[in-house]
Amino acid sequence: KAEDRPEAVVVRLYEAHGSRVSAWLQTSLPVREAMLCDLLERPVAQGQLALEQQGVRLSFTPFRVLSVLLVLRQ
């Protein structure tokens, strides 16, 4: 659960193989919006992520940690 937002969940992902990767984040949770955030769970500039049928598309650079804030429908 997100620290300051009871209607949100934070997902942290890590690229561990040292390569560039594109991936899909899929969940059965009722996601209303998704955005990149920093480690303190603050949204980053231009961090809004498009919700698609397959989920949320993410791009990683080598050894990068991504934090995604998923705001859920009530």
N, C-alpha and C. Protein backbone atom coordinates (compact mmCIF):
# COMPACT_ATOMS: atom_id res chain seq x y z
N LYS A 1 0.84 -1.19 0.00
CA LYS A 1 0.00 0.00 0.00
C LYS A 1 0.88 1.24 0.00
N ALA A 2 0.37 2.27 -0.62
CA ALA A 2 1.08 3.54 -0.65
C ALA A 2 1.04 4.16 0.75
N GLU A 3 2.09 4.86 1.08
CA GLU A 3 2.23 5.44 2.41
C GLU A 3 1.15 6.48 2.73
N ASP A 4 0.92 7.44 1.80
CA ASP A 4 0.01 8.55 2.07
C ASP A 4 -1.30 8.50 1.30
N ARG A 5 -1.49 7.45 0.49
CA ARG A 5 -2.70 7.37 -0.33
C ARG A 5 -3.35 6.00 -0.11
N PRO A 6 -4.40 5.93 0.69
CA PRO A 6 -5.02 4.63 0.98
C PRO A 6 -5.63 3.95 -0.24
N GLU A 7 -5.90 4.71 -1.30
CA GLU A 7 -6.51 4.13 -2.51
C GLU A 7 -5.46 3.72 -3.54
N ALA A 8 -4.19 3.68 -3.14
CA ALA A 8 -3.12 3.40 -4.10
C ALA A 8 -2.17 2.30 -3.60
N VAL A 9 -1.48 1.71 -4.57
CA VAL A 9 -0.49 0.68 -4.32
C VAL A 9 0.78 1.08 -5.06
N VAL A 10 1.94 0.87 -4.43
CA VAL A 10 3.22 1.13 -5.08
C VAL A 10 3.86 -0.20 -5.45
N VAL A 11 4.28 -0.30 -6.70
CA VAL A 11 4.97 -1.49 -7.19
C VAL A 11 6.39 -1.07 -7.55
N ARG A 12 7.37 -1.77 -7.01
CA ARG A 12 8.78 -1.48 -7.32
C ARG A 12 9.34 -2.64 -8.13
N LEU A 13 9.95 -2.29 -9.26
CA LEU A 13 10.49 -3.28 -10.18
C LEU A 13 11.96 -2.97 -10.44
N TYR A 14 12.74 -4.00 -10.72
CA TYR A 14 14.19 -3.86 -10.86
C TYR A 14 14.67 -4.68 -12.05
N GLU A 15 15.49 -4.08 -12.90
CA GLU A 15 16.11 -4.79 -14.03
C GLU A 15 17.43 -5.36 -13.53
N ALA A 16 17.55 -6.68 -13.45
CA ALA A 16 18.70 -7.32 -12.79
C ALA A 16 19.72 -7.94 -13.73
N HIS A 17 19.48 -7.90 -15.05
CA HIS A 17 20.38 -8.60 -15.97
C HIS A 17 21.31 -7.66 -16.73
N GLY A 18 21.23 -6.36 -16.51
CA GLY A 18 22.14 -5.41 -17.16
C GLY A 18 21.83 -5.15 -18.62
N SER A 19 20.56 -5.17 -18.98
CA SER A 19 20.20 -4.89 -20.37
C SER A 19 18.98 -3.98 -20.44
N ARG A 20 18.74 -3.45 -21.63
CA ARG A 20 17.54 -2.64 -21.85
C ARG A 20 16.37 -3.59 -22.07
N VAL A 21 15.24 -3.28 -21.44
CA VAL A 21 14.10 -4.18 -21.49
C VAL A 21 12.80 -3.38 -21.58
N SER A 22 11.87 -3.91 -22.37
CA SER A 22 10.49 -3.43 -22.36
C SER A 22 9.66 -4.54 -21.74
N ALA A 23 8.72 -4.18 -20.89
CA ALA A 23 7.91 -5.18 -20.20
C ALA A 23 6.51 -4.64 -19.98
N TRP A 24 5.59 -5.56 -19.72
CA TRP A 24 4.22 -5.21 -19.37
C TRP A 24 3.98 -5.51 -17.90
N LEU A 25 3.38 -4.57 -17.22
CA LEU A 25 2.93 -4.79 -15.85
C LEU A 25 1.44 -5.08 -15.92
N GLN A 26 1.05 -6.28 -15.52
CA GLN A 26 -0.36 -6.68 -15.56
C GLN A 26 -0.83 -6.99 -14.15
N THR A 27 -2.08 -6.64 -13.86
CA THR A 27 -2.66 -6.89 -12.55
C THR A 27 -4.16 -7.10 -12.68
N SER A 28 -4.72 -7.80 -11.73
CA SER A 28 -6.18 -7.96 -11.70
C SER A 28 -6.83 -6.87 -10.83
N LEU A 29 -6.02 -6.00 -10.25
CA LEU A 29 -6.55 -4.90 -9.45
C LEU A 29 -7.29 -3.91 -10.35
N PRO A 30 -8.31 -3.22 -9.84
CA PRO A 30 -9.06 -2.24 -10.64
C PRO A 30 -8.31 -0.90 -10.71
N VAL A 31 -7.34 -0.80 -11.60
CA VAL A 31 -6.48 0.38 -11.70
C VAL A 31 -7.20 1.50 -12.43
N ARG A 32 -7.23 2.69 -11.83
CA ARG A 32 -7.82 3.88 -12.44
C ARG A 32 -6.78 4.68 -13.19
N GLU A 33 -5.56 4.80 -12.60
CA GLU A 33 -4.46 5.49 -13.26
C GLU A 33 -3.14 4.94 -12.74
N ALA A 34 -2.11 5.09 -13.57
CA ALA A 34 -0.78 4.60 -13.22
C ALA A 34 0.23 5.69 -13.55
N MET A 35 1.21 5.85 -12.67
CA MET A 35 2.24 6.87 -12.90
C MET A 35 3.55 6.43 -12.27
N LEU A 36 4.64 6.89 -12.86
CA LEU A 36 5.95 6.67 -12.25
C LEU A 36 6.08 7.58 -11.05
N CYS A 37 6.75 7.11 -10.02
CA CYS A 37 6.99 7.94 -8.85
C CYS A 37 8.41 7.70 -8.36
N ASP A 38 8.87 8.58 -7.49
CA ASP A 38 10.21 8.41 -6.93
C ASP A 38 10.14 7.48 -5.72
N LEU A 39 11.27 7.27 -5.06
CA LEU A 39 11.29 6.34 -3.93
C LEU A 39 10.47 6.82 -2.73
N LEU A 40 10.15 8.13 -2.70
CA LEU A 40 9.30 8.67 -1.64
C LEU A 40 7.83 8.71 -2.06
N GLU A 41 7.53 8.06 -3.19
CA GLU A 41 6.17 7.92 -3.71
C GLU A 41 5.58 9.21 -4.22
N ARG A 42 6.42 10.16 -4.61
CA ARG A 42 5.95 11.40 -5.24
C ARG A 42 5.96 11.21 -6.74
N PRO A 43 4.86 11.56 -7.44
CA PRO A 43 4.83 11.41 -8.90
C PRO A 43 5.95 12.24 -9.55
N VAL A 44 6.55 11.67 -10.61
CA VAL A 44 7.61 12.38 -11.33
C VAL A 44 7.00 13.11 -12.51
N ALA A 45 7.68 14.16 -12.99
CA ALA A 45 7.22 14.94 -14.14
C ALA A 45 7.12 14.03 -15.36
N GLN A 46 6.08 14.18 -16.14
CA GLN A 46 5.80 13.35 -17.32
C GLN A 46 5.81 11.86 -16.98
N GLY A 47 5.38 11.53 -15.78
CA GLY A 47 5.40 10.14 -15.35
C GLY A 47 4.10 9.39 -15.55
N GLN A 48 3.09 10.05 -16.14
CA GLN A 48 1.81 9.39 -16.37
C GLN A 48 1.98 8.23 -17.34
N LEU A 49 1.44 7.07 -17.02
CA LEU A 49 1.56 5.88 -17.86
C LEU A 49 0.20 5.55 -18.46
N ALA A 50 0.21 5.14 -19.72
CA ALA A 50 -1.03 4.79 -20.41
C ALA A 50 -1.50 3.41 -19.95
N LEU A 51 -2.79 3.33 -19.63
CA LEU A 51 -3.40 2.04 -19.30
C LEU A 51 -3.89 1.42 -20.61
N GLU A 52 -3.39 0.25 -20.92
CA GLU A 52 -3.77 -0.44 -22.15
C GLU A 52 -4.41 -1.77 -21.81
N GLN A 53 -4.95 -2.43 -22.82
CA GLN A 53 -5.59 -3.74 -22.63
C GLN A 53 -4.63 -4.73 -21.97
N GLN A 54 -3.34 -4.69 -22.36
CA GLN A 54 -2.35 -5.64 -21.84
C GLN A 54 -1.81 -5.23 -20.48
N GLY A 55 -2.09 -4.02 -20.04
CA GLY A 55 -1.57 -3.51 -18.77
C GLY A 55 -0.85 -2.19 -18.98
N VAL A 56 0.26 -2.03 -18.31
CA VAL A 56 1.07 -0.80 -18.41
C VAL A 56 2.42 -1.18 -19.01
N ARG A 57 2.83 -0.50 -20.07
CA ARG A 57 4.10 -0.79 -20.72
C ARG A 57 5.21 0.00 -20.03
N LEU A 58 6.30 -0.70 -19.69
CA LEU A 58 7.43 -0.08 -18.99
C LEU A 58 8.71 -0.34 -19.77
N SER A 59 9.64 0.61 -19.70
CA SER A 59 10.96 0.45 -20.31
C SER A 59 12.01 0.62 -19.23
N PHE A 60 12.94 -0.31 -19.20
CA PHE A 60 14.01 -0.31 -18.20
C PHE A 60 15.35 -0.10 -18.88
N THR A 61 16.24 0.61 -18.20
CA THR A 61 17.64 0.65 -18.58
C THR A 61 18.37 -0.28 -17.61
N PRO A 62 19.63 -0.64 -17.91
CA PRO A 62 20.33 -1.61 -17.06
C PRO A 62 20.32 -1.24 -15.57
N PHE A 63 19.94 -2.21 -14.74
CA PHE A 63 19.96 -2.13 -13.27
C PHE A 63 19.08 -1.02 -12.69
N ARG A 64 18.11 -0.58 -13.43
CA ARG A 64 17.24 0.50 -12.98
C ARG A 64 16.12 -0.03 -12.09
N VAL A 65 15.78 0.77 -11.08
CA VAL A 65 14.61 0.50 -10.23
C VAL A 65 13.50 1.44 -10.69
N LEU A 66 12.33 0.88 -10.97
CA LEU A 66 11.17 1.69 -11.30
C LEU A 66 10.14 1.56 -10.19
N SER A 67 9.57 2.68 -9.78
CA SER A 67 8.47 2.68 -8.82
C SER A 67 7.24 3.15 -9.56
N VAL A 68 6.18 2.35 -9.51
CA VAL A 68 4.94 2.67 -10.21
C VAL A 68 3.84 2.82 -9.16
N LEU A 69 3.16 3.95 -9.19
CA LEU A 69 2.04 4.21 -8.29
C LEU A 69 0.76 3.86 -9.04
N LEU A 70 0.03 2.89 -8.55
CA LEU A 70 -1.24 2.47 -9.14
C LEU A 70 -2.38 2.99 -8.26
N VAL A 71 -3.17 3.90 -8.82
CA VAL A 71 -4.32 4.45 -8.10
C VAL A 71 -5.51 3.58 -8.47
N LEU A 72 -6.17 3.04 -7.46
CA LEU A 72 -7.26 2.08 -7.68
C LEU A 72 -8.62 2.76 -7.68
N ARG A 73 -9.55 2.17 -8.43
CA ARG A 73 -10.93 2.64 -8.39
C ARG A 73 -11.56 2.23 -7.06
N GLN A 74 -12.39 3.07 -6.53
CA GLN A 74 -13.04 2.78 -5.25
C GLN A 74 -14.25 1.91 -5.42
